[in-house]
Amino acid sequence: MGFLSLFGAILSEVFGSSLLKVTAVSDNKLPILGVALCYGLAFYLLSLALLSLPLSFAYAAWSGVGTALTAAVGFVIFKEQVNIKMIAGIIILIIGLVMMRI
């Protein structure tokens, strides 16, 4: 159940961050409600994940994988630039998360 809650927390955070970008680039400020709901859900699901996962891993996975997925959303949906340093950083981050679990 911990990993499922963590996965939901990550997806909620990524969706909330994406809505934050939508709010920033449009005149419609209604998506800010979605931002608040998604971030609230992300923190709730993260707290559930912490019932069975260590804080060090859960927080690192939540922030790290969330960062990587948010960068991917920025590249694919918002057509933001990606460079080799960003890709290397994401790869190093994922390697670090794997190292924490083995």
Protein backbone atom coordinates (compact mmCIF):
# COMPACT_ATOMS: atom_id res chain seq x y z
CA MET A 1 0.00 0.00 0.00
CA GLY A 2 2.92 2.34 0.69
CA PHE A 3 4.26 2.30 -2.86
CA LEU A 4 0.77 2.78 -4.30
CA SER A 5 0.21 5.82 -2.07
CA LEU A 6 3.65 7.15 -3.00
CA PHE A 7 2.89 6.70 -6.70
CA GLY A 8 -0.39 8.59 -6.27
CA ALA A 9 1.40 11.35 -4.36
CA ILE A 10 3.95 11.72 -7.15
CA LEU A 11 1.29 11.87 -9.87
CA SER A 12 -0.77 14.39 -7.88
CA GLU A 13 2.27 16.61 -7.39
CA VAL A 14 3.19 16.46 -11.09
CA PHE A 15 -0.38 17.26 -12.16
CA GLY A 16 -0.52 20.13 -9.66
CA SER A 17 2.77 21.55 -10.92
CA SER A 18 1.53 21.28 -14.49
CA LEU A 19 -1.64 23.18 -13.57
CA LEU A 20 0.56 25.81 -11.93
CA LYS A 21 2.26 26.35 -15.30
CA VAL A 22 -1.16 26.56 -17.00
CA THR A 23 -2.22 29.21 -14.49
CA ALA A 24 1.00 31.17 -15.04
CA VAL A 25 0.69 31.33 -18.83
CA SER A 26 -3.03 32.05 -19.15
CA ASP A 27 -5.46 34.73 -18.09
CA ASN A 28 -7.74 32.08 -16.60
CA LYS A 29 -6.84 31.69 -12.93
CA LEU A 30 -9.37 28.90 -12.26
CA PRO A 31 -6.73 26.14 -12.56
CA ILE A 32 -5.21 27.43 -9.29
CA LEU A 33 -8.01 25.54 -7.51
CA GLY A 34 -6.74 22.36 -9.17
CA VAL A 35 -3.23 23.20 -8.00
CA ALA A 36 -4.41 23.45 -4.39
CA LEU A 37 -6.42 20.22 -4.63
CA CYS A 38 -3.59 18.30 -6.28
CA TYR A 39 -0.98 19.49 -3.79
CA GLY A 40 -3.32 18.72 -0.88
CA LEU A 41 -3.92 15.23 -2.25
CA ALA A 42 -0.19 14.75 -2.81
CA PHE A 43 0.63 15.57 0.82
CA TYR A 44 -2.19 13.34 2.08
CA LEU A 45 -1.04 10.39 -0.04
CA LEU A 46 2.58 10.99 0.97
CA SER A 47 1.53 10.82 4.62
CA LEU A 48 -0.16 7.48 3.93
CA ALA A 49 2.98 6.21 2.20
CA LEU A 50 5.02 7.14 5.27
CA LEU A 51 3.04 4.63 7.33
CA SER A 52 4.99 1.82 5.66
CA LEU A 53 7.96 3.43 3.89
CA PRO A 54 10.99 5.14 5.45
CA LEU A 55 10.88 8.94 5.32
CA SER A 56 14.31 9.15 3.67
CA PHE A 57 13.25 7.03 0.70
CA ALA A 58 9.65 8.25 0.38
CA TYR A 59 10.59 11.93 0.38
CA ALA A 60 13.52 11.39 -1.99
CA ALA A 61 11.31 9.42 -4.40
CA TRP A 62 8.45 11.92 -4.16
CA SER A 63 10.61 14.94 -4.84
CA GLY A 64 13.03 13.27 -7.24
CA VAL A 65 10.63 11.33 -9.44
CA GLY A 66 8.23 14.27 -9.27
CA THR A 67 10.99 16.56 -10.54
CA ALA A 68 11.89 14.17 -13.36
CA LEU A 69 8.27 13.73 -14.45
CA THR A 70 7.58 17.46 -14.21
CA ALA A 71 10.59 18.10 -16.45
CA ALA A 72 9.21 15.55 -18.93
CA VAL A 73 5.80 17.25 -18.89
CA GLY A 74 7.49 20.60 -19.46
CA PHE A 75 9.35 19.21 -22.45
CA VAL A 76 6.47 17.26 -24.02
CA ILE A 77 3.46 19.46 -23.27
CA PHE A 78 4.86 22.96 -22.76
CA LYS A 79 7.71 22.60 -25.31
CA GLU A 80 10.34 23.71 -22.79
CA GLN A 81 14.00 23.25 -23.66
CA VAL A 82 15.95 20.29 -22.29
CA ASN A 83 19.74 20.11 -22.30
CA ILE A 84 22.28 17.42 -21.59
CA LYS A 85 22.91 18.70 -18.04
CA MET A 86 19.23 18.29 -17.17
CA ILE A 87 19.12 14.78 -18.60
CA ALA A 88 22.31 13.83 -16.74
CA GLY A 89 20.89 15.23 -13.51
CA ILE A 90 17.70 13.19 -13.87
CA ILE A 91 19.69 10.03 -14.59
CA ILE A 92 21.87 10.63 -11.52
CA LEU A 93 18.75 11.23 -9.43
CA ILE A 94 17.21 7.93 -10.55
CA ILE A 95 20.46 6.06 -9.86
CA GLY A 96 20.49 7.58 -6.37
CA LEU A 97 16.94 6.42 -5.70
CA VAL A 98 17.78 2.90 -6.85
CA MET A 99 20.86 2.91 -4.61
CA MET A 100 18.69 3.86 -1.62
CA ARG A 101 16.53 0.76 -2.11
CA ILE A 102 19.22 -1.89 -2.68
